[in-house]
N, C-alpha and C. Protein backbone atom coordinates (compact mmCIF):
# COMPACT_ATOMS: atom_id res chain seq x y z
N UNK A 1 -83.22 55.78 26.86
CA UNK A 1 -82.89 54.37 26.98
C UNK A 1 -83.30 53.65 25.70
N UNK A 2 -82.39 52.83 25.13
CA UNK A 2 -82.71 52.14 23.88
C UNK A 2 -83.82 51.10 24.10
N UNK A 3 -84.61 50.93 23.06
CA UNK A 3 -85.69 49.95 23.08
C UNK A 3 -85.11 48.54 23.02
N UNK A 4 -85.62 47.61 23.84
CA UNK A 4 -85.08 46.24 23.77
C UNK A 4 -85.44 45.58 22.45
N UNK A 5 -84.61 44.63 22.05
CA UNK A 5 -84.88 43.86 20.85
C UNK A 5 -86.10 42.97 21.10
N UNK A 6 -86.82 42.64 20.05
CA UNK A 6 -88.06 41.90 20.19
C UNK A 6 -87.93 40.48 19.66
N UNK A 7 -88.27 39.52 20.51
CA UNK A 7 -88.26 38.11 20.16
C UNK A 7 -89.70 37.65 20.01
N UNK A 8 -90.00 36.93 18.95
CA UNK A 8 -91.32 36.36 18.75
C UNK A 8 -91.27 34.90 19.19
N UNK A 9 -92.13 34.56 20.13
CA UNK A 9 -92.23 33.20 20.64
C UNK A 9 -93.45 32.54 20.02
N UNK A 10 -93.22 31.48 19.25
CA UNK A 10 -94.31 30.81 18.54
C UNK A 10 -94.45 29.39 19.09
N UNK A 11 -95.58 29.14 19.72
CA UNK A 11 -95.85 27.82 20.30
C UNK A 11 -97.35 27.67 20.46
N UNK A 12 -97.88 26.50 20.15
CA UNK A 12 -99.32 26.29 20.31
C UNK A 12 -99.72 26.09 21.77
N UNK A 13 -98.76 25.86 22.66
CA UNK A 13 -99.04 25.67 24.08
C UNK A 13 -98.87 27.00 24.82
N UNK A 14 -99.97 27.53 25.36
CA UNK A 14 -99.94 28.83 26.03
C UNK A 14 -98.99 28.84 27.23
N UNK A 15 -98.93 27.74 27.97
CA UNK A 15 -98.02 27.69 29.13
C UNK A 15 -96.56 27.81 28.69
N UNK A 16 -96.21 27.12 27.61
CA UNK A 16 -94.83 27.22 27.09
C UNK A 16 -94.51 28.66 26.67
N UNK A 17 -95.43 29.28 25.96
CA UNK A 17 -95.22 30.67 25.51
C UNK A 17 -95.04 31.60 26.70
N UNK A 18 -95.93 31.48 27.67
CA UNK A 18 -95.89 32.38 28.83
C UNK A 18 -94.62 32.20 29.65
N UNK A 19 -94.24 30.95 29.90
CA UNK A 19 -93.04 30.67 30.68
C UNK A 19 -91.80 31.25 30.01
N UNK A 20 -91.64 30.99 28.73
CA UNK A 20 -90.48 31.48 28.00
C UNK A 20 -90.50 33.01 27.91
N UNK A 21 -91.66 33.57 27.67
CA UNK A 21 -91.79 35.02 27.57
C UNK A 21 -91.41 35.70 28.88
N UNK A 22 -91.93 35.21 29.99
CA UNK A 22 -91.59 35.80 31.30
C UNK A 22 -90.10 35.73 31.58
N UNK A 23 -89.51 34.60 31.28
CA UNK A 23 -88.08 34.43 31.55
C UNK A 23 -87.24 35.40 30.70
N UNK A 24 -87.57 35.51 29.43
CA UNK A 24 -86.82 36.40 28.55
C UNK A 24 -87.04 37.87 28.91
N UNK A 25 -88.24 38.23 29.30
CA UNK A 25 -88.52 39.61 29.71
C UNK A 25 -87.75 39.98 30.98
N UNK A 26 -87.59 39.02 31.90
CA UNK A 26 -86.75 39.28 33.10
C UNK A 26 -85.31 39.55 32.71
N UNK A 27 -84.89 39.00 31.59
CA UNK A 27 -83.52 39.20 31.11
C UNK A 27 -83.38 40.48 30.27
N UNK A 28 -84.48 41.21 30.09
CA UNK A 28 -84.40 42.49 29.40
C UNK A 28 -84.88 42.49 27.95
N UNK A 29 -85.40 41.39 27.48
CA UNK A 29 -85.89 41.31 26.11
C UNK A 29 -87.35 41.75 26.05
N UNK A 30 -87.76 42.26 24.94
CA UNK A 30 -89.18 42.48 24.66
C UNK A 30 -89.65 41.23 23.92
N UNK A 31 -90.84 40.76 24.23
CA UNK A 31 -91.34 39.56 23.56
C UNK A 31 -92.73 39.79 23.00
N UNK A 32 -93.02 39.05 21.97
CA UNK A 32 -94.37 38.97 21.41
C UNK A 32 -94.66 37.49 21.31
N UNK A 33 -95.93 37.14 21.26
CA UNK A 33 -96.31 35.73 21.22
C UNK A 33 -97.25 35.46 20.06
N UNK A 34 -97.14 34.24 19.54
CA UNK A 34 -98.06 33.78 18.50
C UNK A 34 -98.41 32.33 18.82
N UNK A 35 -99.70 32.02 18.74
CA UNK A 35 -100.18 30.69 19.10
C UNK A 35 -100.23 29.74 17.91
N UNK A 36 -99.95 30.22 16.72
CA UNK A 36 -100.01 29.37 15.53
C UNK A 36 -99.03 29.87 14.48
N UNK A 37 -98.79 29.00 13.51
CA UNK A 37 -97.91 29.39 12.41
C UNK A 37 -98.47 30.55 11.61
N UNK A 38 -99.77 30.51 11.38
CA UNK A 38 -100.41 31.59 10.62
C UNK A 38 -100.25 32.93 11.33
N UNK A 39 -100.49 32.92 12.65
CA UNK A 39 -100.37 34.16 13.43
C UNK A 39 -98.92 34.63 13.45
N UNK A 40 -97.97 33.72 13.50
CA UNK A 40 -96.56 34.10 13.49
C UNK A 40 -96.21 34.87 12.22
N UNK A 41 -96.71 34.40 11.08
CA UNK A 41 -96.43 35.09 9.82
C UNK A 41 -97.05 36.48 9.81
N UNK A 42 -98.24 36.63 10.38
CA UNK A 42 -98.87 37.95 10.48
C UNK A 42 -98.03 38.90 11.32
N UNK A 43 -97.54 38.42 12.46
CA UNK A 43 -96.75 39.26 13.35
C UNK A 43 -95.45 39.68 12.68
N UNK A 44 -94.80 38.75 12.00
CA UNK A 44 -93.54 39.07 11.31
C UNK A 44 -93.80 40.08 10.20
N UNK A 45 -94.87 39.90 9.43
CA UNK A 45 -95.19 40.86 8.36
C UNK A 45 -95.46 42.25 8.90
N UNK A 46 -96.03 42.35 10.09
CA UNK A 46 -96.31 43.65 10.70
C UNK A 46 -95.03 44.38 11.10
N UNK A 47 -93.93 43.65 11.25
CA UNK A 47 -92.63 44.25 11.54
C UNK A 47 -92.31 44.34 13.02
N UNK A 48 -91.05 44.69 13.28
CA UNK A 48 -90.60 44.89 14.64
C UNK A 48 -90.08 43.65 15.34
N UNK A 49 -89.99 42.52 14.64
CA UNK A 49 -89.49 41.29 15.24
C UNK A 49 -88.04 41.11 14.80
N UNK A 50 -87.16 40.83 15.79
CA UNK A 50 -85.74 40.69 15.49
C UNK A 50 -85.25 39.24 15.48
N UNK A 51 -86.02 38.35 16.10
CA UNK A 51 -85.63 36.95 16.17
C UNK A 51 -86.88 36.14 16.49
N UNK A 52 -86.97 34.92 15.92
CA UNK A 52 -88.14 34.07 16.14
C UNK A 52 -87.69 32.78 16.83
N UNK A 53 -88.39 32.46 17.92
CA UNK A 53 -88.25 31.16 18.58
C UNK A 53 -89.47 30.36 18.16
N UNK A 54 -89.27 29.35 17.33
CA UNK A 54 -90.36 28.69 16.62
C UNK A 54 -90.48 27.22 17.01
N UNK A 55 -91.64 26.86 17.57
CA UNK A 55 -91.92 25.47 17.91
C UNK A 55 -91.98 24.65 16.62
N UNK A 56 -91.38 23.50 16.64
CA UNK A 56 -91.33 22.65 15.45
C UNK A 56 -92.67 21.98 15.18
N UNK A 57 -93.29 21.45 16.24
CA UNK A 57 -94.52 20.69 16.06
C UNK A 57 -95.73 21.47 16.57
N UNK A 58 -96.56 21.91 15.63
CA UNK A 58 -97.79 22.62 15.96
C UNK A 58 -98.88 22.13 15.04
N UNK A 59 -100.13 22.13 15.51
CA UNK A 59 -101.23 21.75 14.61
C UNK A 59 -101.41 22.79 13.51
N UNK A 60 -101.99 22.38 12.42
CA UNK A 60 -102.17 23.32 11.30
C UNK A 60 -100.83 23.55 10.62
N UNK A 61 -100.44 24.79 10.54
CA UNK A 61 -99.18 25.16 9.91
C UNK A 61 -98.05 24.91 10.92
N UNK A 62 -97.27 23.87 10.68
CA UNK A 62 -96.18 23.50 11.58
C UNK A 62 -94.97 24.41 11.45
N UNK A 63 -94.03 24.20 12.33
CA UNK A 63 -92.83 25.03 12.36
C UNK A 63 -92.04 25.03 11.06
N UNK A 64 -91.90 23.87 10.43
CA UNK A 64 -91.15 23.82 9.17
C UNK A 64 -91.86 24.59 8.07
N UNK A 65 -93.19 24.54 8.06
CA UNK A 65 -93.94 25.30 7.06
C UNK A 65 -93.78 26.80 7.28
N UNK A 66 -93.79 27.22 8.54
CA UNK A 66 -93.58 28.63 8.86
C UNK A 66 -92.19 29.05 8.44
N UNK A 67 -91.21 28.21 8.75
CA UNK A 67 -89.82 28.51 8.39
C UNK A 67 -89.67 28.66 6.87
N UNK A 68 -90.26 27.77 6.10
CA UNK A 68 -90.19 27.85 4.64
C UNK A 68 -90.81 29.16 4.14
N UNK A 69 -91.95 29.52 4.72
CA UNK A 69 -92.61 30.76 4.32
C UNK A 69 -91.76 31.98 4.66
N UNK A 70 -91.14 31.97 5.82
CA UNK A 70 -90.28 33.09 6.22
C UNK A 70 -89.06 33.19 5.30
N UNK A 71 -88.48 32.06 4.97
CA UNK A 71 -87.25 32.08 4.16
C UNK A 71 -87.51 32.47 2.70
N UNK A 72 -88.75 32.45 2.26
CA UNK A 72 -89.04 32.94 0.91
C UNK A 72 -88.77 34.43 0.78
N UNK A 73 -88.90 35.16 1.89
CA UNK A 73 -88.74 36.62 1.83
C UNK A 73 -87.65 37.17 2.74
N UNK A 74 -87.25 36.42 3.74
CA UNK A 74 -86.25 36.92 4.70
C UNK A 74 -85.14 35.90 4.87
N UNK A 75 -83.91 36.35 4.75
CA UNK A 75 -82.78 35.44 4.91
C UNK A 75 -82.53 35.16 6.39
N UNK A 76 -81.63 34.22 6.65
CA UNK A 76 -81.26 33.88 8.03
C UNK A 76 -80.57 35.04 8.73
N UNK A 77 -79.97 35.94 7.98
CA UNK A 77 -79.34 37.11 8.57
C UNK A 77 -80.39 38.19 8.86
N UNK A 78 -81.34 38.34 7.96
CA UNK A 78 -82.39 39.35 8.15
C UNK A 78 -83.32 39.02 9.31
N UNK A 79 -83.67 37.75 9.46
CA UNK A 79 -84.53 37.31 10.56
C UNK A 79 -84.09 35.93 11.02
N UNK A 80 -83.29 35.88 12.05
CA UNK A 80 -82.87 34.58 12.59
C UNK A 80 -84.06 33.82 13.17
N UNK A 81 -84.05 32.51 12.93
CA UNK A 81 -85.09 31.64 13.47
C UNK A 81 -84.40 30.51 14.21
N UNK A 82 -84.79 30.36 15.47
CA UNK A 82 -84.28 29.26 16.29
C UNK A 82 -85.45 28.31 16.53
N UNK A 83 -85.29 27.08 16.11
CA UNK A 83 -86.34 26.08 16.29
C UNK A 83 -86.29 25.58 17.73
N UNK A 84 -87.47 25.46 18.32
CA UNK A 84 -87.60 24.95 19.68
C UNK A 84 -88.41 23.66 19.57
N UNK A 85 -87.84 22.55 20.03
CA UNK A 85 -88.51 21.27 19.82
C UNK A 85 -88.39 20.36 21.03
N UNK A 86 -89.42 19.58 21.24
CA UNK A 86 -89.38 18.53 22.26
C UNK A 86 -88.84 17.24 21.65
N UNK A 87 -88.73 17.22 20.36
CA UNK A 87 -88.28 16.03 19.64
C UNK A 87 -86.77 15.89 19.73
N UNK A 88 -86.33 14.68 19.97
CA UNK A 88 -84.89 14.42 19.94
C UNK A 88 -84.50 13.74 18.64
N UNK A 89 -85.43 13.69 17.70
CA UNK A 89 -85.19 13.06 16.40
C UNK A 89 -84.24 13.93 15.58
N UNK A 90 -83.07 13.39 15.30
CA UNK A 90 -82.07 14.19 14.58
C UNK A 90 -82.52 14.53 13.17
N UNK A 91 -83.41 13.73 12.58
CA UNK A 91 -83.90 14.05 11.24
C UNK A 91 -84.67 15.36 11.22
N UNK A 92 -85.46 15.62 12.28
CA UNK A 92 -86.19 16.88 12.39
C UNK A 92 -85.22 18.06 12.44
N UNK A 93 -84.19 17.90 13.22
CA UNK A 93 -83.20 18.97 13.38
C UNK A 93 -82.47 19.23 12.07
N UNK A 94 -82.04 18.16 11.42
CA UNK A 94 -81.32 18.29 10.14
C UNK A 94 -82.21 18.97 9.11
N UNK A 95 -83.49 18.57 9.07
CA UNK A 95 -84.40 19.19 8.11
C UNK A 95 -84.58 20.67 8.40
N UNK A 96 -84.76 21.03 9.67
CA UNK A 96 -84.95 22.44 10.04
C UNK A 96 -83.72 23.27 9.67
N UNK A 97 -82.55 22.76 9.95
CA UNK A 97 -81.33 23.49 9.60
C UNK A 97 -81.18 23.58 8.09
N UNK A 98 -81.55 22.52 7.38
CA UNK A 98 -81.51 22.53 5.92
C UNK A 98 -82.49 23.51 5.30
N UNK A 99 -83.59 23.77 5.98
CA UNK A 99 -84.61 24.70 5.48
C UNK A 99 -84.29 26.16 5.83
N UNK A 100 -83.20 26.37 6.59
CA UNK A 100 -82.81 27.75 6.87
C UNK A 100 -82.90 28.19 8.32
N UNK A 101 -83.17 27.28 9.25
CA UNK A 101 -83.14 27.65 10.67
C UNK A 101 -81.70 28.00 11.04
N UNK A 102 -81.55 28.99 11.89
CA UNK A 102 -80.21 29.37 12.33
C UNK A 102 -79.67 28.40 13.37
N UNK A 103 -80.56 27.86 14.18
CA UNK A 103 -80.14 26.97 15.26
C UNK A 103 -81.38 26.27 15.80
N UNK A 104 -81.20 25.45 16.82
CA UNK A 104 -82.34 24.81 17.46
C UNK A 104 -81.99 24.56 18.92
N UNK A 105 -83.01 24.46 19.75
CA UNK A 105 -82.86 24.06 21.15
C UNK A 105 -83.96 23.05 21.45
N UNK A 106 -83.73 22.22 22.46
CA UNK A 106 -84.73 21.25 22.84
C UNK A 106 -85.43 21.69 24.12
N UNK A 107 -86.70 21.32 24.21
CA UNK A 107 -87.48 21.61 25.41
C UNK A 107 -87.22 20.51 26.43
N UNK A 108 -87.24 20.82 27.70
CA UNK A 108 -87.38 22.16 28.25
C UNK A 108 -86.07 22.92 28.11
N UNK A 109 -86.17 24.21 27.92
CA UNK A 109 -84.98 25.04 27.74
C UNK A 109 -84.33 25.25 29.10
N UNK A 110 -83.06 24.96 29.17
CA UNK A 110 -82.31 25.09 30.41
C UNK A 110 -81.46 26.35 30.34
N UNK A 111 -81.88 27.39 31.04
CA UNK A 111 -81.15 28.65 31.01
C UNK A 111 -79.93 28.57 31.91
N UNK A 112 -78.83 29.21 31.50
CA UNK A 112 -77.64 29.22 32.35
C UNK A 112 -77.91 29.98 33.64
N UNK A 113 -77.24 29.56 34.71
CA UNK A 113 -77.43 30.21 36.00
C UNK A 113 -76.64 31.50 36.13
N UNK A 114 -75.58 31.64 35.39
CA UNK A 114 -74.80 32.88 35.44
C UNK A 114 -74.64 33.42 34.03
N UNK A 115 -74.36 34.69 33.95
CA UNK A 115 -74.23 35.33 32.64
C UNK A 115 -72.88 34.97 32.01
N UNK A 116 -72.92 34.53 30.75
CA UNK A 116 -71.65 34.27 30.06
C UNK A 116 -71.00 35.60 29.69
N UNK A 117 -69.70 35.59 29.46
CA UNK A 117 -69.04 36.84 29.07
C UNK A 117 -69.53 37.32 27.71
N UNK A 118 -69.53 38.63 27.51
CA UNK A 118 -69.91 39.17 26.20
C UNK A 118 -68.84 38.82 25.20
N UNK A 119 -69.27 38.49 24.00
CA UNK A 119 -68.34 38.14 22.93
C UNK A 119 -68.77 38.80 21.64
N UNK A 120 -67.83 38.99 20.78
CA UNK A 120 -68.18 39.42 19.43
C UNK A 120 -68.69 38.20 18.70
N UNK A 121 -69.88 38.29 18.12
CA UNK A 121 -70.45 37.12 17.46
C UNK A 121 -69.59 36.63 16.30
N UNK A 122 -69.41 35.34 16.26
CA UNK A 122 -68.69 34.72 15.15
C UNK A 122 -69.27 33.32 15.01
N UNK A 123 -70.02 33.11 13.96
CA UNK A 123 -70.72 31.85 13.83
C UNK A 123 -70.58 31.30 12.42
N UNK A 124 -70.49 30.00 12.34
CA UNK A 124 -70.40 29.38 11.02
C UNK A 124 -71.70 29.50 10.26
N UNK A 125 -72.83 29.65 10.97
CA UNK A 125 -74.11 29.78 10.27
C UNK A 125 -74.36 31.19 9.82
N UNK A 126 -73.94 32.17 10.60
CA UNK A 126 -74.25 33.56 10.27
C UNK A 126 -73.09 34.29 9.63
N UNK A 127 -71.96 33.62 9.47
CA UNK A 127 -70.81 34.27 8.88
C UNK A 127 -69.97 34.94 9.95
N UNK A 128 -68.81 35.43 9.58
CA UNK A 128 -67.91 35.98 10.57
C UNK A 128 -68.21 37.43 10.92
N UNK A 129 -68.90 38.14 10.06
CA UNK A 129 -69.21 39.54 10.36
C UNK A 129 -70.43 39.61 11.27
N UNK A 130 -70.40 40.54 12.24
CA UNK A 130 -71.59 40.65 13.10
C UNK A 130 -72.80 41.03 12.26
N UNK A 131 -73.90 40.41 12.53
CA UNK A 131 -75.14 40.75 11.85
C UNK A 131 -76.15 41.16 12.89
N UNK A 132 -77.26 41.70 12.46
CA UNK A 132 -78.25 42.16 13.43
C UNK A 132 -78.72 41.03 14.33
N UNK A 133 -78.89 39.83 13.80
CA UNK A 133 -79.36 38.72 14.62
C UNK A 133 -78.33 38.34 15.67
N UNK A 134 -77.09 38.22 15.25
CA UNK A 134 -76.05 37.84 16.20
C UNK A 134 -75.89 38.92 17.27
N UNK A 135 -75.98 40.16 16.85
CA UNK A 135 -75.86 41.25 17.82
C UNK A 135 -77.01 41.22 18.80
N UNK A 136 -78.21 40.90 18.32
CA UNK A 136 -79.38 40.81 19.19
C UNK A 136 -79.16 39.74 20.24
N UNK A 137 -78.75 38.57 19.78
CA UNK A 137 -78.63 37.45 20.68
C UNK A 137 -77.48 37.62 21.65
N UNK A 138 -76.37 38.18 21.21
CA UNK A 138 -75.21 38.26 22.09
C UNK A 138 -75.13 39.54 22.90
N UNK A 139 -75.85 40.57 22.54
CA UNK A 139 -75.68 41.85 23.20
C UNK A 139 -76.12 41.85 24.65
N UNK A 140 -77.03 41.00 25.02
CA UNK A 140 -77.51 40.97 26.40
C UNK A 140 -76.56 40.22 27.33
N UNK A 141 -75.76 39.31 26.76
CA UNK A 141 -74.85 38.55 27.60
C UNK A 141 -75.57 37.57 28.52
N UNK A 142 -76.79 37.20 28.20
CA UNK A 142 -77.52 36.24 29.01
C UNK A 142 -78.39 35.39 28.11
N UNK A 143 -79.08 34.46 28.70
CA UNK A 143 -79.89 33.54 27.92
C UNK A 143 -80.80 34.29 26.98
N UNK A 144 -80.90 33.94 25.75
CA UNK A 144 -80.24 32.88 25.02
C UNK A 144 -78.99 33.33 24.30
N UNK A 145 -78.17 34.13 24.94
CA UNK A 145 -77.07 34.81 24.28
C UNK A 145 -76.10 33.90 23.57
N UNK A 146 -75.84 32.72 24.07
CA UNK A 146 -74.83 31.89 23.46
C UNK A 146 -75.25 31.33 22.12
N UNK A 147 -76.44 31.57 21.68
CA UNK A 147 -76.89 31.08 20.39
C UNK A 147 -76.05 31.65 19.25
N UNK A 148 -75.50 32.84 19.42
CA UNK A 148 -74.78 33.49 18.34
C UNK A 148 -73.38 32.93 18.14
N UNK A 149 -72.95 32.02 18.98
CA UNK A 149 -71.61 31.48 18.80
C UNK A 149 -71.69 30.01 18.40
N UNK A 150 -70.64 29.53 17.79
CA UNK A 150 -70.59 28.12 17.44
C UNK A 150 -70.37 27.31 18.71
N UNK A 151 -70.91 26.11 18.75
CA UNK A 151 -70.71 25.24 19.89
C UNK A 151 -70.19 23.92 19.38
N UNK A 152 -69.64 23.16 20.29
CA UNK A 152 -69.14 21.85 19.93
C UNK A 152 -70.30 20.95 19.54
N UNK A 153 -70.09 20.06 18.59
CA UNK A 153 -71.16 19.14 18.22
C UNK A 153 -71.64 18.36 19.43
N UNK A 154 -72.95 18.19 19.52
CA UNK A 154 -73.52 17.43 20.62
C UNK A 154 -73.76 18.23 21.88
N UNK A 155 -73.56 19.55 21.82
CA UNK A 155 -73.84 20.37 22.99
C UNK A 155 -74.96 21.34 22.67
N UNK A 156 -75.65 21.75 23.70
CA UNK A 156 -76.73 22.70 23.52
C UNK A 156 -76.15 24.07 23.24
N UNK A 157 -76.70 24.76 22.26
CA UNK A 157 -76.18 26.07 21.90
C UNK A 157 -76.55 27.13 22.92
N UNK A 158 -77.53 26.88 23.79
CA UNK A 158 -77.88 27.87 24.80
C UNK A 158 -77.17 27.63 26.09
N UNK A 159 -76.84 26.37 26.42
CA UNK A 159 -76.23 26.10 27.72
C UNK A 159 -74.81 25.58 27.62
N UNK A 160 -74.43 25.06 26.43
CA UNK A 160 -73.10 24.49 26.29
C UNK A 160 -73.00 23.10 26.90
N UNK A 161 -74.10 22.59 27.43
CA UNK A 161 -74.09 21.27 28.05
C UNK A 161 -74.39 20.20 27.00
N UNK A 162 -73.98 18.99 27.29
CA UNK A 162 -74.28 17.87 26.39
C UNK A 162 -75.76 17.65 26.32
N UNK A 163 -76.20 17.34 25.10
CA UNK A 163 -77.63 17.04 24.90
C UNK A 163 -77.91 15.62 25.31
């Protein structure tokens, strides 16, 4: 049996990390957790992480600082990063996308109730050819699978619902 892809969940709130981790593990993903930006960089350097779910606002090294550090050595195709934020401030989102985030979702994350159909990934951010990140996100056909596809402006990339 193939090993599941590994998602790194980075959030300073232990409850948020645990909730998201449990939900993703029920969907068949392997997860790792980091409580800080510094710890996230250590985990990524150690290897084995295929995608990062990164909280935007954390004490110490914040999400944007972690993203900048990751993008110095890893491209958006090599290691996709999805920003997770409670902020509805569009400036935060624009800055994160400008710094190299592949996408973003807002808290609380609303998982779809049914599995979306499997699709070949085709995204304006990741290019038209399937990449390891897009394959990781779309191969399960469940949350957060829709991240690998383009969505209409103003809709959530994980649920397709209006923000």
